[in-house]
N, C-alpha and C. Protein backbone atom coordinates (compact mmCIF):
# COMPACT_ATOMS: atom_id res chain seq x y z
N MET A 1 92.43 9.67 6.66
CA MET A 1 92.00 8.30 6.72
C MET A 1 91.86 7.80 5.29
N SER A 2 92.39 6.60 5.02
CA SER A 2 92.33 6.06 3.67
C SER A 2 90.94 5.52 3.37
N ARG A 3 90.65 5.34 2.10
CA ARG A 3 89.36 4.78 1.70
C ARG A 3 89.20 3.36 2.25
N PHE A 4 90.27 2.61 2.28
CA PHE A 4 90.23 1.24 2.80
C PHE A 4 89.83 1.22 4.27
N THR A 5 90.39 2.12 5.07
CA THR A 5 90.07 2.21 6.49
C THR A 5 88.61 2.59 6.68
N VAL A 6 88.12 3.52 5.88
CA VAL A 6 86.73 3.94 5.96
C VAL A 6 85.81 2.77 5.58
N LEU A 7 86.18 2.02 4.53
CA LEU A 7 85.40 0.87 4.10
C LEU A 7 85.35 -0.19 5.20
N LEU A 8 86.48 -0.47 5.84
CA LEU A 8 86.51 -1.44 6.94
C LEU A 8 85.65 -0.97 8.10
N ALA A 9 85.69 0.29 8.42
CA ALA A 9 84.88 0.82 9.51
C ALA A 9 83.39 0.70 9.19
N LEU A 10 83.02 0.96 7.95
CA LEU A 10 81.62 0.82 7.54
C LEU A 10 81.16 -0.63 7.60
N LEU A 11 82.00 -1.55 7.14
CA LEU A 11 81.65 -2.97 7.19
C LEU A 11 81.50 -3.45 8.63
N ALA A 12 82.38 -3.02 9.51
CA ALA A 12 82.30 -3.41 10.91
C ALA A 12 81.03 -2.86 11.55
N ALA A 13 80.61 -1.67 11.15
CA ALA A 13 79.40 -1.08 11.70
C ALA A 13 78.15 -1.84 11.26
N CYS A 14 78.23 -2.57 10.15
CA CYS A 14 77.09 -3.32 9.64
C CYS A 14 76.92 -4.67 10.34
N ASP A 15 77.96 -5.18 10.98
CA ASP A 15 77.85 -6.47 11.67
C ASP A 15 76.93 -6.32 12.87
N PRO A 16 75.98 -7.24 13.01
CA PRO A 16 75.10 -7.15 14.18
C PRO A 16 75.87 -7.48 15.45
N PRO A 17 75.46 -6.92 16.57
CA PRO A 17 76.15 -7.22 17.83
C PRO A 17 75.89 -8.69 18.23
N THR A 18 76.92 -9.30 18.77
CA THR A 18 76.77 -10.69 19.20
C THR A 18 76.50 -10.75 20.70
N GLU A 19 75.91 -11.86 21.12
CA GLU A 19 75.63 -12.13 22.52
C GLU A 19 76.27 -13.47 22.86
N THR A 20 76.61 -13.65 24.11
CA THR A 20 77.13 -14.92 24.60
C THR A 20 76.10 -15.50 25.55
N ALA A 21 75.88 -16.82 25.43
CA ALA A 21 74.90 -17.47 26.30
C ALA A 21 75.32 -18.90 26.57
N THR A 22 74.80 -19.42 27.66
CA THR A 22 74.96 -20.83 27.99
C THR A 22 73.69 -21.55 27.59
N ILE A 23 73.84 -22.70 26.96
CA ILE A 23 72.72 -23.57 26.61
C ILE A 23 72.80 -24.77 27.53
N GLY A 24 71.73 -25.04 28.25
CA GLY A 24 71.70 -26.13 29.22
C GLY A 24 71.83 -27.50 28.58
N ALA A 25 72.21 -28.47 29.39
CA ALA A 25 72.42 -29.84 28.93
C ALA A 25 71.10 -30.56 28.63
N LEU A 26 70.01 -30.07 29.18
CA LEU A 26 68.71 -30.68 28.96
C LEU A 26 67.78 -29.69 28.28
N ARG A 27 66.74 -30.20 27.66
CA ARG A 27 65.66 -29.38 27.16
C ARG A 27 64.50 -29.51 28.14
N GLN A 28 63.59 -28.57 28.12
CA GLN A 28 62.46 -28.58 29.03
C GLN A 28 61.16 -28.65 28.23
N PRO A 29 60.27 -29.58 28.57
CA PRO A 29 58.96 -29.59 27.91
C PRO A 29 58.25 -28.27 28.19
N CYS A 30 57.73 -27.62 27.14
CA CYS A 30 57.05 -26.35 27.32
C CYS A 30 55.93 -26.19 26.31
N ILE A 31 55.00 -25.33 26.66
CA ILE A 31 53.85 -25.06 25.80
C ILE A 31 53.81 -23.57 25.55
N GLY A 32 53.72 -23.19 24.28
CA GLY A 32 53.66 -21.79 23.88
C GLY A 32 52.86 -21.71 22.60
N PHE A 33 53.47 -21.20 21.54
CA PHE A 33 52.82 -21.17 20.22
C PHE A 33 52.52 -22.59 19.78
N GLU A 34 53.36 -23.50 20.20
CA GLU A 34 53.23 -24.91 19.92
C GLU A 34 53.81 -25.67 21.11
N VAL A 35 53.69 -26.97 21.10
CA VAL A 35 54.26 -27.79 22.15
C VAL A 35 55.63 -28.22 21.67
N LYS A 36 56.63 -28.06 22.53
CA LYS A 36 57.98 -28.43 22.10
C LYS A 36 58.89 -28.65 23.30
N LEU A 37 60.09 -29.03 23.01
CA LEU A 37 61.14 -29.16 24.01
C LEU A 37 62.00 -27.92 23.89
N CYS A 38 61.87 -27.00 24.83
CA CYS A 38 62.58 -25.72 24.77
C CYS A 38 64.03 -25.87 25.22
N LEU A 39 64.91 -25.10 24.60
CA LEU A 39 66.28 -24.99 25.09
C LEU A 39 66.24 -24.26 26.43
N LEU A 40 67.15 -24.58 27.33
CA LEU A 40 67.35 -23.80 28.55
C LEU A 40 68.56 -22.93 28.27
N MET A 41 68.39 -21.60 28.38
CA MET A 41 69.40 -20.68 27.86
C MET A 41 69.49 -19.46 28.76
N GLY A 42 70.67 -18.86 28.82
CA GLY A 42 70.82 -17.61 29.53
C GLY A 42 72.26 -17.16 29.60
N ALA A 43 72.43 -15.91 29.97
CA ALA A 43 73.77 -15.36 30.15
C ALA A 43 74.29 -15.71 31.54
N GLN A 44 73.39 -16.07 32.45
CA GLN A 44 73.78 -16.45 33.82
C GLN A 44 72.75 -17.43 34.36
N GLU A 45 73.07 -18.08 35.47
CA GLU A 45 72.15 -19.02 36.12
C GLU A 45 71.08 -18.22 36.86
N PRO A 46 69.88 -18.67 37.01
CA PRO A 46 69.35 -19.88 36.41
C PRO A 46 69.02 -19.65 34.93
N LEU A 47 69.15 -20.69 34.15
CA LEU A 47 68.82 -20.62 32.73
C LEU A 47 67.31 -20.60 32.59
N HIS A 48 66.82 -19.96 31.54
CA HIS A 48 65.37 -19.86 31.33
C HIS A 48 64.99 -20.61 30.05
N PRO A 49 63.76 -21.09 29.98
CA PRO A 49 63.32 -21.76 28.74
C PRO A 49 63.29 -20.76 27.59
N GLU A 50 63.83 -21.16 26.47
CA GLU A 50 63.84 -20.33 25.27
C GLU A 50 63.04 -21.06 24.20
N PHE A 51 61.91 -20.48 23.82
CA PHE A 51 61.02 -21.15 22.88
C PHE A 51 61.61 -21.18 21.48
N ALA A 52 62.32 -20.14 21.09
CA ALA A 52 62.89 -20.07 19.73
C ALA A 52 64.13 -20.96 19.62
N GLU A 53 64.35 -21.46 18.44
CA GLU A 53 65.56 -22.24 18.16
C GLU A 53 66.67 -21.27 17.74
N ILE A 54 67.89 -21.77 17.72
CA ILE A 54 69.04 -20.98 17.28
C ILE A 54 69.52 -21.61 15.98
N GLU A 55 69.40 -20.86 14.90
CA GLU A 55 69.79 -21.38 13.59
C GLU A 55 71.27 -21.76 13.60
N GLY A 56 71.57 -22.97 13.15
CA GLY A 56 72.95 -23.45 13.08
C GLY A 56 73.38 -24.20 14.32
N TYR A 57 72.57 -24.20 15.38
CA TYR A 57 72.94 -24.89 16.62
C TYR A 57 72.16 -26.20 16.72
N VAL A 58 72.87 -27.28 17.05
CA VAL A 58 72.25 -28.59 17.28
C VAL A 58 72.48 -28.96 18.74
N HIS A 59 71.38 -29.11 19.47
CA HIS A 59 71.47 -29.46 20.88
C HIS A 59 71.82 -30.94 21.03
N HIS A 60 72.73 -31.25 21.93
CA HIS A 60 73.08 -32.63 22.28
C HIS A 60 72.68 -32.85 23.73
N TRP A 61 71.79 -33.82 23.97
CA TRP A 61 71.34 -34.12 25.32
C TRP A 61 72.54 -34.41 26.21
N GLY A 62 72.58 -33.80 27.38
CA GLY A 62 73.65 -34.03 28.35
C GLY A 62 74.84 -33.11 28.20
N THR A 63 74.87 -32.31 27.15
CA THR A 63 76.01 -31.43 26.88
C THR A 63 75.62 -29.97 27.04
N GLN A 64 76.31 -29.28 27.92
CA GLN A 64 76.11 -27.84 28.10
C GLN A 64 77.05 -27.12 27.15
N SER A 65 76.54 -26.09 26.50
CA SER A 65 77.34 -25.35 25.52
C SER A 65 77.39 -23.86 25.87
N GLU A 66 78.51 -23.26 25.58
CA GLU A 66 78.62 -21.80 25.63
C GLU A 66 78.76 -21.35 24.18
N ILE A 67 77.89 -20.42 23.78
CA ILE A 67 77.86 -20.00 22.37
C ILE A 67 77.86 -18.49 22.25
N THR A 68 78.18 -18.04 21.05
CA THR A 68 77.90 -16.65 20.67
C THR A 68 76.91 -16.71 19.52
N PHE A 69 76.01 -15.74 19.49
CA PHE A 69 74.98 -15.68 18.46
C PHE A 69 74.59 -14.23 18.26
N TYR A 70 73.84 -13.98 17.20
CA TYR A 70 73.28 -12.64 17.01
C TYR A 70 71.80 -12.77 16.67
N ARG A 71 71.11 -11.69 16.86
CA ARG A 71 69.67 -11.63 16.56
C ARG A 71 69.48 -10.84 15.27
N GLU A 72 68.50 -11.28 14.51
CA GLU A 72 68.21 -10.65 13.23
C GLU A 72 66.70 -10.50 13.10
N PRO A 73 66.21 -9.33 12.67
CA PRO A 73 64.77 -9.17 12.52
C PRO A 73 64.23 -10.09 11.42
N VAL A 74 63.00 -10.54 11.61
CA VAL A 74 62.31 -11.36 10.61
C VAL A 74 61.42 -10.43 9.80
N ASP A 75 61.60 -10.44 8.49
CA ASP A 75 60.75 -9.62 7.63
C ASP A 75 59.37 -10.25 7.55
N SER A 76 58.36 -9.49 7.84
CA SER A 76 56.96 -9.93 7.76
C SER A 76 56.72 -11.25 8.49
N PRO A 77 56.90 -11.28 9.82
CA PRO A 77 56.66 -12.53 10.54
C PRO A 77 55.18 -12.90 10.49
N GLU A 78 54.93 -14.23 10.52
CA GLU A 78 53.55 -14.70 10.53
C GLU A 78 52.91 -14.34 11.86
N SER A 79 51.60 -14.37 11.91
CA SER A 79 50.86 -14.07 13.13
C SER A 79 51.32 -14.99 14.25
N ASP A 80 51.56 -14.43 15.43
CA ASP A 80 52.01 -15.18 16.61
C ASP A 80 53.39 -15.80 16.45
N SER A 81 54.17 -15.34 15.48
CA SER A 81 55.53 -15.83 15.29
C SER A 81 56.51 -14.79 15.81
N PRO A 82 57.73 -15.20 16.17
CA PRO A 82 58.72 -14.24 16.66
C PRO A 82 59.07 -13.20 15.59
N SER A 83 59.41 -12.02 16.06
CA SER A 83 59.78 -10.94 15.14
C SER A 83 61.28 -10.91 14.89
N GLU A 84 62.01 -11.81 15.58
CA GLU A 84 63.45 -11.91 15.35
C GLU A 84 63.87 -13.37 15.41
N ARG A 85 65.02 -13.65 14.84
CA ARG A 85 65.57 -15.00 14.90
C ARG A 85 66.99 -14.92 15.43
N MET A 86 67.44 -16.03 16.03
CA MET A 86 68.80 -16.08 16.56
C MET A 86 69.64 -16.97 15.66
N ILE A 87 70.86 -16.52 15.40
CA ILE A 87 71.75 -17.24 14.49
C ILE A 87 73.08 -17.48 15.19
N LEU A 88 73.51 -18.74 15.20
CA LEU A 88 74.76 -19.13 15.84
C LEU A 88 75.95 -18.50 15.11
N VAL A 89 76.89 -17.96 15.89
CA VAL A 89 78.15 -17.47 15.35
C VAL A 89 79.24 -18.49 15.64
N GLU A 90 79.30 -18.95 16.92
CA GLU A 90 80.38 -19.84 17.32
C GLU A 90 79.99 -20.63 18.56
N ILE A 91 80.42 -21.88 18.60
CA ILE A 91 80.35 -22.66 19.84
C ILE A 91 81.69 -22.47 20.52
N ILE A 92 81.68 -21.83 21.67
CA ILE A 92 82.92 -21.52 22.38
C ILE A 92 83.43 -22.75 23.12
N GLU A 93 82.50 -23.44 23.80
CA GLU A 93 82.90 -24.58 24.62
C GLU A 93 81.71 -25.51 24.80
N GLU A 94 81.99 -26.81 24.86
CA GLU A 94 80.96 -27.81 25.14
C GLU A 94 81.48 -28.75 26.22
N ASN A 95 80.63 -29.06 27.21
CA ASN A 95 81.00 -29.96 28.29
C ASN A 95 79.84 -30.90 28.58
N VAL A 96 80.14 -32.20 28.66
CA VAL A 96 79.13 -33.16 29.08
C VAL A 96 78.94 -32.96 30.57
N THR A 97 77.74 -32.58 30.97
CA THR A 97 77.48 -32.29 32.38
C THR A 97 76.49 -33.27 33.01
N ILE A 98 75.78 -34.04 32.20
CA ILE A 98 74.81 -35.01 32.71
C ILE A 98 75.35 -36.40 32.38
N THR A 99 75.59 -37.20 33.40
CA THR A 99 76.06 -38.57 33.15
C THR A 99 75.17 -39.60 33.84
N ALA A 100 74.40 -39.19 34.81
CA ALA A 100 73.53 -40.10 35.57
C ALA A 100 72.10 -39.94 35.06
N PRO A 101 71.20 -40.80 35.49
CA PRO A 101 69.79 -40.61 35.12
C PRO A 101 69.30 -39.24 35.57
N PHE A 102 68.35 -38.69 34.85
CA PHE A 102 67.75 -37.40 35.16
C PHE A 102 66.26 -37.50 34.94
N GLN A 103 65.54 -36.52 35.43
CA GLN A 103 64.08 -36.54 35.34
C GLN A 103 63.60 -35.37 34.50
N LEU A 104 62.69 -35.64 33.57
CA LEU A 104 62.01 -34.59 32.82
C LEU A 104 60.58 -34.50 33.33
N ASP A 105 60.15 -33.30 33.68
CA ASP A 105 58.80 -33.07 34.19
C ASP A 105 57.93 -32.52 33.07
N PHE A 106 56.78 -33.14 32.88
CA PHE A 106 55.84 -32.75 31.84
C PHE A 106 54.63 -32.10 32.49
N PRO A 107 54.29 -30.87 32.05
CA PRO A 107 53.21 -30.12 32.69
C PRO A 107 51.82 -30.66 32.36
N VAL A 108 50.86 -30.24 33.19
CA VAL A 108 49.46 -30.55 32.93
C VAL A 108 49.04 -29.77 31.67
N ASP A 109 47.93 -30.11 31.11
CA ASP A 109 47.40 -29.47 29.91
C ASP A 109 48.26 -29.72 28.69
N GLY A 110 49.12 -30.71 28.76
CA GLY A 110 49.96 -31.03 27.61
C GLY A 110 49.24 -31.95 26.66
N PRO A 111 49.66 -31.98 25.46
CA PRO A 111 49.10 -32.89 24.48
C PRO A 111 49.81 -34.24 24.62
N ASP A 112 49.77 -35.02 23.60
CA ASP A 112 50.52 -36.27 23.58
C ASP A 112 51.99 -35.94 23.37
N TRP A 113 52.76 -36.00 24.42
CA TRP A 113 54.19 -35.69 24.35
C TRP A 113 54.94 -36.80 23.61
N PHE A 114 54.40 -38.01 23.67
CA PHE A 114 55.06 -39.17 23.08
C PHE A 114 54.14 -39.82 22.05
N SER A 115 54.74 -40.35 20.99
CA SER A 115 53.96 -41.10 20.00
C SER A 115 54.73 -42.36 19.64
N GLY A 116 53.99 -43.35 19.21
CA GLY A 116 54.60 -44.62 18.83
C GLY A 116 54.48 -45.64 19.94
N SER A 117 55.08 -46.78 19.73
CA SER A 117 55.07 -47.86 20.71
C SER A 117 56.23 -48.81 20.42
N GLY A 118 56.31 -49.85 21.24
CA GLY A 118 57.37 -50.83 21.01
C GLY A 118 58.65 -50.43 21.66
N PRO A 119 59.77 -50.83 21.19
CA PRO A 119 61.01 -50.54 21.91
C PRO A 119 61.49 -49.10 21.73
N SER A 120 60.70 -48.29 20.99
CA SER A 120 61.10 -46.91 20.75
C SER A 120 59.86 -46.04 20.55
N VAL A 121 59.88 -44.83 21.12
CA VAL A 121 58.82 -43.86 20.90
C VAL A 121 59.46 -42.54 20.51
N ASP A 122 58.64 -41.61 20.06
CA ASP A 122 59.12 -40.29 19.65
C ASP A 122 58.63 -39.26 20.65
N MET A 123 59.55 -38.47 21.20
CA MET A 123 59.21 -37.39 22.12
C MET A 123 59.45 -36.07 21.40
N LEU A 124 58.45 -35.63 20.64
CA LEU A 124 58.53 -34.36 19.90
C LEU A 124 59.82 -34.24 19.10
N GLY A 125 60.17 -35.28 18.37
CA GLY A 125 61.35 -35.25 17.52
C GLY A 125 62.58 -35.89 18.13
N THR A 126 62.54 -36.24 19.40
CA THR A 126 63.66 -36.92 20.04
C THR A 126 63.33 -38.41 20.17
N PRO A 127 64.12 -39.29 19.57
CA PRO A 127 63.88 -40.72 19.75
C PRO A 127 64.14 -41.13 21.20
N VAL A 128 63.25 -41.96 21.74
CA VAL A 128 63.39 -42.46 23.11
C VAL A 128 63.24 -43.97 23.06
N VAL A 129 64.27 -44.69 23.50
CA VAL A 129 64.20 -46.14 23.58
C VAL A 129 63.79 -46.53 24.99
N CYS A 130 63.08 -47.66 25.13
CA CYS A 130 62.61 -48.09 26.44
C CYS A 130 62.13 -49.54 26.39
N GLU A 131 62.02 -50.13 27.57
CA GLU A 131 61.41 -51.44 27.69
C GLU A 131 59.95 -51.32 27.30
N ASP A 132 59.35 -52.40 26.80
CA ASP A 132 57.97 -52.36 26.32
C ASP A 132 57.01 -51.77 27.35
N GLU A 133 57.14 -52.15 28.63
CA GLU A 133 56.23 -51.66 29.66
C GLU A 133 56.31 -50.14 29.81
N VAL A 134 57.53 -49.60 29.80
CA VAL A 134 57.71 -48.14 29.92
C VAL A 134 57.21 -47.45 28.66
N CYS A 135 57.52 -47.99 27.48
CA CYS A 135 57.03 -47.40 26.23
C CYS A 135 55.50 -47.40 26.19
N ASP A 136 54.87 -48.49 26.67
CA ASP A 136 53.41 -48.55 26.70
C ASP A 136 52.85 -47.46 27.61
N GLN A 137 53.49 -47.22 28.75
CA GLN A 137 53.04 -46.15 29.65
C GLN A 137 53.17 -44.79 28.98
N LEU A 138 54.28 -44.58 28.27
CA LEU A 138 54.49 -43.29 27.61
C LEU A 138 53.47 -43.05 26.51
N GLY A 139 53.03 -44.10 25.87
CA GLY A 139 52.04 -43.97 24.81
C GLY A 139 50.61 -43.89 25.32
N ALA A 140 50.41 -44.03 26.64
CA ALA A 140 49.06 -44.03 27.21
C ALA A 140 48.42 -42.64 27.09
N ALA A 141 47.17 -42.62 26.70
CA ALA A 141 46.45 -41.36 26.48
C ALA A 141 46.29 -40.55 27.76
N ASP A 142 46.21 -41.21 28.93
CA ASP A 142 45.93 -40.46 30.16
C ASP A 142 47.11 -39.63 30.65
N LEU A 143 48.28 -39.78 30.05
CA LEU A 143 49.42 -38.95 30.45
C LEU A 143 49.19 -37.48 30.10
N SER A 144 48.35 -37.20 29.11
CA SER A 144 48.13 -35.81 28.72
C SER A 144 47.14 -35.11 29.65
N GLU A 145 46.56 -35.82 30.61
CA GLU A 145 45.54 -35.23 31.47
C GLU A 145 46.07 -34.75 32.82
N SER A 146 47.28 -35.11 33.19
CA SER A 146 47.85 -34.66 34.46
C SER A 146 49.36 -34.61 34.33
N PRO A 147 50.02 -33.83 35.19
CA PRO A 147 51.48 -33.77 35.12
C PRO A 147 52.09 -35.14 35.41
N PHE A 148 53.23 -35.39 34.81
CA PHE A 148 53.96 -36.62 35.06
C PHE A 148 55.44 -36.36 34.82
N ALA A 149 56.26 -37.30 35.21
CA ALA A 149 57.71 -37.18 35.02
C ALA A 149 58.23 -38.49 34.43
N VAL A 150 59.34 -38.39 33.74
CA VAL A 150 59.97 -39.56 33.16
C VAL A 150 61.45 -39.55 33.56
N THR A 151 61.90 -40.68 34.10
CA THR A 151 63.32 -40.84 34.39
C THR A 151 64.00 -41.26 33.10
N MET A 152 65.04 -40.51 32.72
CA MET A 152 65.74 -40.72 31.45
C MET A 152 67.22 -40.97 31.70
N GLU A 153 67.85 -41.58 30.70
CA GLU A 153 69.30 -41.75 30.67
C GLU A 153 69.78 -41.36 29.29
N LEU A 154 71.05 -40.99 29.21
CA LEU A 154 71.67 -40.71 27.92
C LEU A 154 72.01 -42.03 27.24
N THR A 155 72.13 -42.00 25.93
CA THR A 155 72.59 -43.15 25.17
C THR A 155 73.88 -42.75 24.45
N ASP A 156 74.43 -43.64 23.67
CA ASP A 156 75.64 -43.32 22.91
C ASP A 156 75.38 -42.28 21.83
N ASP A 157 74.12 -42.16 21.42
CA ASP A 157 73.72 -41.16 20.42
C ASP A 157 73.22 -39.92 21.16
N PRO A 158 73.85 -38.75 20.97
CA PRO A 158 73.45 -37.54 21.71
C PRO A 158 72.06 -37.01 21.34
N GLN A 159 71.42 -37.62 20.36
CA GLN A 159 70.08 -37.20 19.97
C GLN A 159 69.00 -38.17 20.48
N THR A 160 69.41 -39.28 21.11
CA THR A 160 68.48 -40.31 21.57
C THR A 160 68.57 -40.47 23.07
N LEU A 161 67.42 -40.66 23.71
CA LEU A 161 67.37 -40.89 25.16
C LEU A 161 66.82 -42.28 25.45
N ARG A 162 67.02 -42.74 26.68
CA ARG A 162 66.45 -44.00 27.15
C ARG A 162 65.55 -43.67 28.34
N ALA A 163 64.27 -44.06 28.25
CA ALA A 163 63.33 -43.89 29.36
C ALA A 163 63.36 -45.14 30.21
N THR A 164 63.51 -44.94 31.53
CA THR A 164 63.58 -46.10 32.43
C THR A 164 62.38 -46.18 33.36
N ALA A 165 61.65 -45.09 33.57
CA ALA A 165 60.49 -45.12 34.46
C ALA A 165 59.58 -43.93 34.18
N VAL A 166 58.28 -44.14 34.38
CA VAL A 166 57.29 -43.07 34.29
C VAL A 166 56.75 -42.86 35.69
N LEU A 167 56.79 -41.62 36.16
CA LEU A 167 56.34 -41.27 37.51
C LEU A 167 55.06 -40.45 37.40
N LEU A 168 53.96 -41.01 37.87
CA LEU A 168 52.66 -40.33 37.76
C LEU A 168 52.36 -39.54 39.00
């Protein structure tokens, strides 16, 4: 065996194993180390909420993605932080799977999921446009005291949603 072949074999052995997963078209409100919108992810249906983000991956509302990624240990993770991180290798395929209105369910014991007022509010980093009446409901303090749902629609911007109704 040549030195070059041995070197290639050693380099290949150092590459971390990759995994393939489906990322759901929607995020799910969830509470864990912090309050956030979790990715829905899995190798098969049903997809499960994934609290950790995937470095290099940008979620687009309404678009389901098939990806490959690898896991890497985190050196000296902070208390209550993950001991590994996921890193995107490749987006294999993306398909828009949500085209009609959809509902997001927000659990009880949640904090203020929405902030702001007027024709736009912020849902944990996701801009949400809405009519003043709907935005006022989303900004209401009593939403954090009981479960509620919001009917949403996609917009032309894959990072922005439109809220059309609040269901208490």
